[in-house]
Each structure stands twice: as C-alpha cells, then as structure tokens.
C-alpha cells in the first residue's frame, strides 16, 4: 500500500482505490521519457474500455509534484492520476530499482489487494489488450 500526491494537490492511497475498483498501476520514468508518455496516451485513448470493465488507472513516476505540474502545463494532462514518487519508495517496494537503474512497471491489483498482473521491464508494457483481458477475468469472478 502507498499514499502519493498528484500534480493537482490530491493525495491518493492505493488501498482506498482498490477498495472500490481493481486498479492498473503504471510506473513510468516521467514526461522526459517519450515512450512512457506515448504509452500513457494510448491508455488514455482506451480509458473507456477500462471504465467498461470497472477498472481504474493510476500512473506513478519519480518526478516531483512540481515537475509533473510543469510537464502537464507544457504537454497536457491525462484523465487518470499522475502520482509523484520522488524518493522512489514505491518503485523500490515494487522491485523496480536496481542500483541506479529504474525500470518501468505495470501491475493490476484487485479489490482484495492481490496483485493479479506484474511486469517489470526496460521499456513500457504496451500490450493494452492483455491488461484488459486481466480486468475481464477479474470482472467475471465478481459476478
């Protein structure tokens, strides 16, 4: 579990989110990573599909809240929370930091707090269809 701040002054706690809906956590390297921003744009473009499956998305980067604000002002915002992890406490807890290297990550946490999907990589996980399939399985179990 974690609590992080977003660029809009909100505090977001994972357990509060997952108590309501299964959640996709995307760990990205910040707006300075073009592949990351492209991946976030794809997720945003397909957000209606996640909404249909009662799923929510959050994205976390090592950028500070101020850096996120500046990036949003310059490049635009996404329709899901962009959370700041400047000390990389969450990245470390999820095993995404090796020495000085920070990796991308994608995790799906269900409403029971169980990690249902986990991926660490040197590049963003871009198989959105596989993520949606996982949410479909979770939704089927809840019926």
C-alpha atoms as a PDB file:
ATOM      1  CA  UNK A   1       0.000   0.000   0.000  1.00  0.00           C
ATOM      2  CA  UNK A   2       1.119   3.583  -0.514  1.00  0.00           C
ATOM      3  CA  UNK A   3      -0.089   7.157  -0.444  1.00  0.00           C
ATOM      4  CA  UNK A   4       1.300   9.611  -3.003  1.00  0.00           C
ATOM      5  CA  UNK A   5       0.432  13.107  -4.179  1.00  0.00           C
ATOM      6  CA  UNK A   6      -0.611  14.114  -7.664  1.00  0.00           C
ATOM      7  CA  UNK A   7       0.042  17.334  -9.563  1.00  0.00           C
ATOM      8  CA  UNK A   8      -3.410  18.674  -8.683  1.00  0.00           C
ATOM      9  CA  UNK A   9      -2.910  18.633  -4.924  1.00  0.00           C
ATOM     10  CA  UNK A  10      -4.691  15.357  -4.253  1.00  0.00           C
ATOM     11  CA  UNK A  11      -3.408  12.603  -2.009  1.00  0.00           C
ATOM     12  CA  UNK A  12      -4.079   9.120  -3.399  1.00  0.00           C
ATOM     13  CA  UNK A  13      -3.932   5.910  -1.348  1.00  0.00           C
ATOM     14  CA  UNK A  14      -3.808   2.602  -3.198  1.00  0.00           C
ATOM     15  CA  UNK A  15      -5.955   0.695  -0.673  1.00  0.00           C
ATOM     16  CA  UNK A  16      -8.696   3.344  -0.922  1.00  0.00           C
ATOM     17  CA  UNK A  17      -8.723   2.932  -4.710  1.00  0.00           C
ATOM     18  CA  UNK A  18      -8.680  -0.848  -4.746  1.00  0.00           C
ATOM     19  CA  UNK A  19     -11.446  -0.993  -2.135  1.00  0.00           C
ATOM     20  CA  UNK A  20     -13.692   0.398  -4.882  1.00  0.00           C
ATOM     21  CA  UNK A  21     -12.284  -0.987  -8.141  1.00  0.00           C
ATOM     22  CA  UNK A  22      -9.420  -3.096  -9.440  1.00  0.00           C
ATOM     23  CA  UNK A  23      -6.554  -0.800 -10.354  1.00  0.00           C
ATOM     24  CA  UNK A  24      -3.873  -0.688 -13.025  1.00  0.00           C
ATOM     25  CA  UNK A  25      -0.663   0.824 -11.692  1.00  0.00           C
ATOM     26  CA  UNK A  26       1.738   2.047 -14.357  1.00  0.00           C
ATOM     27  CA  UNK A  27       5.214   3.023 -13.199  1.00  0.00           C
ATOM     28  CA  UNK A  28       6.751   5.267 -15.834  1.00  0.00           C
ATOM     29  CA  UNK A  29      10.007   7.203 -15.929  1.00  0.00           C
ATOM     30  CA  UNK A  30       8.404  10.630 -16.262  1.00  0.00           C
ATOM     31  CA  UNK A  31       7.443  13.039 -19.001  1.00  0.00           C
ATOM     32  CA  UNK A  32      11.087  13.085 -20.116  1.00  0.00           C
ATOM     33  CA  UNK A  33      10.585   9.535 -21.457  1.00  0.00           C
ATOM     34  CA  UNK A  34       8.815   9.792 -24.854  1.00  0.00           C
ATOM     35  CA  UNK A  35       7.939   6.072 -24.894  1.00  0.00           C
ATOM     36  CA  UNK A  36       6.338   6.418 -21.456  1.00  0.00           C
ATOM     37  CA  UNK A  37       4.247   9.407 -22.489  1.00  0.00           C
ATOM     38  CA  UNK A  38       3.198   7.602 -25.671  1.00  0.00           C
ATOM     39  CA  UNK A  39       2.131   4.614 -23.569  1.00  0.00           C
ATOM     40  CA  UNK A  40       0.138   6.839 -21.195  1.00  0.00           C
ATOM     41  CA  UNK A  41      -1.526   8.453 -24.220  1.00  0.00           C
ATOM     42  CA  UNK A  42      -2.566   5.012 -25.507  1.00  0.00           C
ATOM     43  CA  UNK A  43      -4.016   4.097 -22.110  1.00  0.00           C
ATOM     44  CA  UNK A  44      -5.860   7.407 -22.022  1.00  0.00           C
ATOM     45  CA  UNK A  45      -7.232   6.854 -25.533  1.00  0.00           C
ATOM     46  CA  UNK A  46      -8.573   3.455 -24.423  1.00  0.00           C
ATOM     47  CA  UNK A  47      -9.776   4.545 -20.980  1.00  0.00           C
ATOM     48  CA  UNK A  48     -13.414   3.957 -21.920  1.00  0.00           C
ATOM     49  CA  UNK A  49     -12.593   0.248 -22.294  1.00  0.00           C
ATOM     50  CA  UNK A  50     -11.147   0.186 -18.779  1.00  0.00           C
ATOM     51  CA  UNK A  51     -14.186   2.086 -17.476  1.00  0.00           C
ATOM     52  CA  UNK A  52     -16.500  -0.516 -19.024  1.00  0.00           C
ATOM     53  CA  UNK A  53     -14.658  -3.186 -17.016  1.00  0.00           C
ATOM     54  CA  UNK A  54     -14.965  -1.142 -13.794  1.00  0.00           C
ATOM     55  CA  UNK A  55     -11.185  -0.683 -13.778  1.00  0.00           C
ATOM     56  CA  UNK A  56      -9.177   2.384 -12.917  1.00  0.00           C
ATOM     57  CA  UNK A  57      -5.709   3.563 -13.896  1.00  0.00           C
ATOM     58  CA  UNK A  58      -3.016   5.388 -11.954  1.00  0.00           C
ATOM     59  CA  UNK A  59       0.447   6.287 -13.195  1.00  0.00           C
ATOM     60  CA  UNK A  60       3.460   6.860 -10.961  1.00  0.00           C
ATOM     61  CA  UNK A  61       6.821   8.418 -11.797  1.00  0.00           C
ATOM     62  CA  UNK A  62       9.891   9.548  -9.886  1.00  0.00           C
ATOM     63  CA  UNK A  63       9.124  13.137 -10.943  1.00  0.00           C
ATOM     64  CA  UNK A  64       8.280  15.638  -8.226  1.00  0.00           C
ATOM     65  CA  UNK A  65       4.832  17.224  -7.983  1.00  0.00           C
ATOM     66  CA  UNK A  66       6.345  20.472  -9.325  1.00  0.00           C
ATOM     67  CA  UNK A  67       7.888  18.644 -12.300  1.00  0.00           C
ATOM     68  CA  UNK A  68       4.543  16.969 -13.023  1.00  0.00           C
ATOM     69  CA  UNK A  69       2.777  20.345 -12.896  1.00  0.00           C
ATOM     70  CA  UNK A  70       5.296  21.833 -15.325  1.00  0.00           C
ATOM     71  CA  UNK A  71       5.028  18.854 -17.685  1.00  0.00           C
ATOM     72  CA  UNK A  72       1.224  18.960 -17.636  1.00  0.00           C
ATOM     73  CA  UNK A  73       1.292  22.693 -18.382  1.00  0.00           C
ATOM     74  CA  UNK A  74       3.636  22.095 -21.323  1.00  0.00           C
ATOM     75  CA  UNK A  75       2.406  18.788 -22.761  1.00  0.00           C
ATOM     76  CA  UNK A  76      -1.087  18.251 -21.352  1.00  0.00           C
ATOM     77  CA  UNK A  77      -2.702  16.046 -18.745  1.00  0.00           C
ATOM     78  CA  UNK A  78      -4.190  12.565 -18.770  1.00  0.00           C
ATOM     79  CA  UNK A  79      -7.613  11.535 -17.481  1.00  0.00           C
ATOM     80  CA  UNK A  80      -6.170   9.429 -14.668  1.00  0.00           C
ATOM     81  CA  UNK A  81      -3.981  10.410 -11.708  1.00  0.00           C
ATOM     82  CA  UNK A  82      -0.270  11.019 -12.262  1.00  0.00           C
ATOM     83  CA  UNK A  83       1.378  10.404  -8.913  1.00  0.00           C
ATOM     84  CA  UNK A  84       4.795  11.562  -7.729  1.00  0.00           C
ATOM     85  CA  UNK A  85       7.280   9.154  -6.144  1.00  0.00           C
ATOM     86  CA  UNK A  86      10.371  11.404  -5.945  1.00  0.00           C
ATOM     87  CA  UNK A  87      12.141   9.268  -3.330  1.00  0.00           C
ATOM     88  CA  UNK A  88      11.224   6.134  -5.317  1.00  0.00           C
ATOM     89  CA  UNK A  89       9.822   4.442  -2.214  1.00  0.00           C
ATOM     90  CA  UNK A  90       7.059   2.811  -4.253  1.00  0.00           C
ATOM     91  CA  UNK A  91       9.447   1.886  -7.075  1.00  0.00           C
ATOM     92  CA  UNK A  92      11.735   0.209  -4.553  1.00  0.00           C
ATOM     93  CA  UNK A  93       8.852  -1.576  -2.816  1.00  0.00           C
ATOM     94  CA  UNK A  94       7.712  -2.974  -6.179  1.00  0.00           C
ATOM     95  CA  UNK A  95      11.234  -4.109  -7.100  1.00  0.00           C
ATOM     96  CA  UNK A  96      11.738  -1.574  -9.884  1.00  0.00           C
ATOM     97  CA  UNK A  97      15.050  -0.125  -8.690  1.00  0.00           C
ATOM     98  CA  UNK A  98      18.336  -1.952  -9.251  1.00  0.00           C
ATOM     99  CA  UNK A  99      21.307   0.156  -8.180  1.00  0.00           C
ATOM    100  CA  UNK A 100      20.825   3.420 -10.037  1.00  0.00           C
ATOM    101  CA  UNK A 101      18.562   1.943 -12.715  1.00  0.00           C
ATOM    102  CA  UNK A 102      14.792   2.422 -12.520  1.00  0.00           C
ATOM    103  CA  UNK A 103      12.569   0.140 -14.589  1.00  0.00           C
ATOM    104  CA  UNK A 104       9.078   0.500 -15.971  1.00  0.00           C
ATOM    105  CA  UNK A 105       6.326  -1.494 -14.327  1.00  0.00           C
ATOM    106  CA  UNK A 106       2.704  -2.498 -14.832  1.00  0.00           C
ATOM    107  CA  UNK A 107       0.628  -4.046 -12.056  1.00  0.00           C
ATOM    108  CA  UNK A 108      -3.014  -4.901 -11.643  1.00  0.00           C
ATOM    109  CA  UNK A 109      -4.294  -5.015  -8.068  1.00  0.00           C
ATOM    110  CA  UNK A 110      -7.786  -6.412  -7.447  1.00  0.00           C
ATOM    111  CA  UNK A 111     -10.304  -5.286  -4.833  1.00  0.00           C
ATOM    112  CA  UNK A 112      -8.869  -7.775  -2.332  1.00  0.00           C
ATOM    113  CA  UNK A 113      -5.436  -6.172  -2.633  1.00  0.00           C
ATOM    114  CA  UNK A 114      -3.965  -9.104  -4.577  1.00  0.00           C
ATOM    115  CA  UNK A 115      -1.534  -8.418  -7.396  1.00  0.00           C
ATOM    116  CA  UNK A 116      -3.094 -10.111 -10.423  1.00  0.00           C
ATOM    117  CA  UNK A 117      -0.587  -8.977 -13.035  1.00  0.00           C
ATOM    118  CA  UNK A 118       3.013  -7.846 -12.663  1.00  0.00           C
ATOM    119  CA  UNK A 119       5.597  -6.800 -15.227  1.00  0.00           C
ATOM    120  CA  UNK A 120       8.982  -5.097 -14.897  1.00  0.00           C
ATOM    121  CA  UNK A 121      10.911  -4.093 -17.994  1.00  0.00           C
ATOM    122  CA  UNK A 122      13.369  -1.698 -19.549  1.00  0.00           C
ATOM    123  CA  UNK A 123      10.504  -0.423 -21.717  1.00  0.00           C
ATOM    124  CA  UNK A 124       6.825   0.335 -21.055  1.00  0.00           C
ATOM    125  CA  UNK A 125       4.454  -2.632 -21.144  1.00  0.00           C
ATOM    126  CA  UNK A 126       2.421  -1.852 -24.241  1.00  0.00           C
ATOM    127  CA  UNK A 127       0.064  -4.825 -24.547  1.00  0.00           C
ATOM    128  CA  UNK A 128      -3.088  -2.985 -23.510  1.00  0.00           C
ATOM    129  CA  UNK A 129      -5.240  -5.862 -24.762  1.00  0.00           C
ATOM    130  CA  UNK A 130      -3.605  -8.237 -22.248  1.00  0.00           C
ATOM    131  CA  UNK A 131      -4.267  -5.747 -19.448  1.00  0.00           C
ATOM    132  CA  UNK A 132      -7.917  -5.518 -20.470  1.00  0.00           C
ATOM    133  CA  UNK A 133      -8.145  -9.329 -20.540  1.00  0.00           C
ATOM    134  CA  UNK A 134      -6.942  -9.476 -16.962  1.00  0.00           C
ATOM    135  CA  UNK A 135      -9.639  -6.998 -15.938  1.00  0.00           C
ATOM    136  CA  UNK A 136     -12.223  -9.095 -17.807  1.00  0.00           C
ATOM    137  CA  UNK A 137     -11.173 -12.127 -15.751  1.00  0.00           C
ATOM    138  CA  UNK A 138     -11.469 -10.142 -12.528  1.00  0.00           C
ATOM    139  CA  UNK A 139     -14.901  -8.850 -13.545  1.00  0.00           C
ATOM    140  CA  UNK A 140     -16.092 -12.395 -14.411  1.00  0.00           C
ATOM    141  CA  UNK A 141     -15.009 -13.605 -10.960  1.00  0.00           C
ATOM    142  CA  UNK A 142     -17.035 -10.881  -9.288  1.00  0.00           C
ATOM    143  CA  UNK A 143     -20.297 -11.971 -10.909  1.00  0.00           C
END
